[in-house]
């Protein structure tokens, strides 16, 4: 089965992006799992997910408080699409690892379940990335390693992201991708296949070190309608 992951730069989720995601699984009305761990399972964030996807998919949610569901494995694996919301990615990963969800997500990906997410939910699939989990100064941290390299969301809507990502790249962080708000990067079997965007002006970039200098290469995006 193809292993499909869509990492979104955060900031916005337009109707076109929601339709794009639910059309990726080969199912007329896919089963979609919303995971809001990074936002401490905020009810308002969950309601926004239902607003975005409820008319397009059969939406359920995974929660860990006061404890995870008894049938955790089937909750994760019996899906067509898993969408991870934004928030504190370090706290999210700590909870996932305690309950073995990181391994279940790998199993689901390998079985053909589409993985997607915005901000923290875009970061989590990569080897590493730039996070505000430890404070506004922004730091790097390791993630699930489902995708090679690094990722930086919020490239255009948070002023510290771009310079800090480039600083970290210069300091040895693996080359990777940056995404503006509302921009999604679709990877299949670890390779970037396409970039989609909510707005024509939004972009994604390949960011890498060449001869000691950080080089940004814009990647053409298809505007979603």
Foldseek 3Di string as FASTA:
>chain_A
DKQKEKFAQADDQDLLNLVVQQVPFPDQAWEEEEEEVQVVPDVVVVVVVCVNHVVRHNYDYFDQVVHTDPPVLCVLQVGQEYEYEDHQLVRVVVVCVVVVVLVSNVVNSVVRRYQYYYHSSNFQQEQKEWDCNPHPQIDMDGHSHNAYFYEFHQCPPDVNRVVVVQVVQLVPGGWDKYWHHQKMFMDISRHTDAIAGQDQPTWMWGWHADPSGIDTDTDDYHHGD
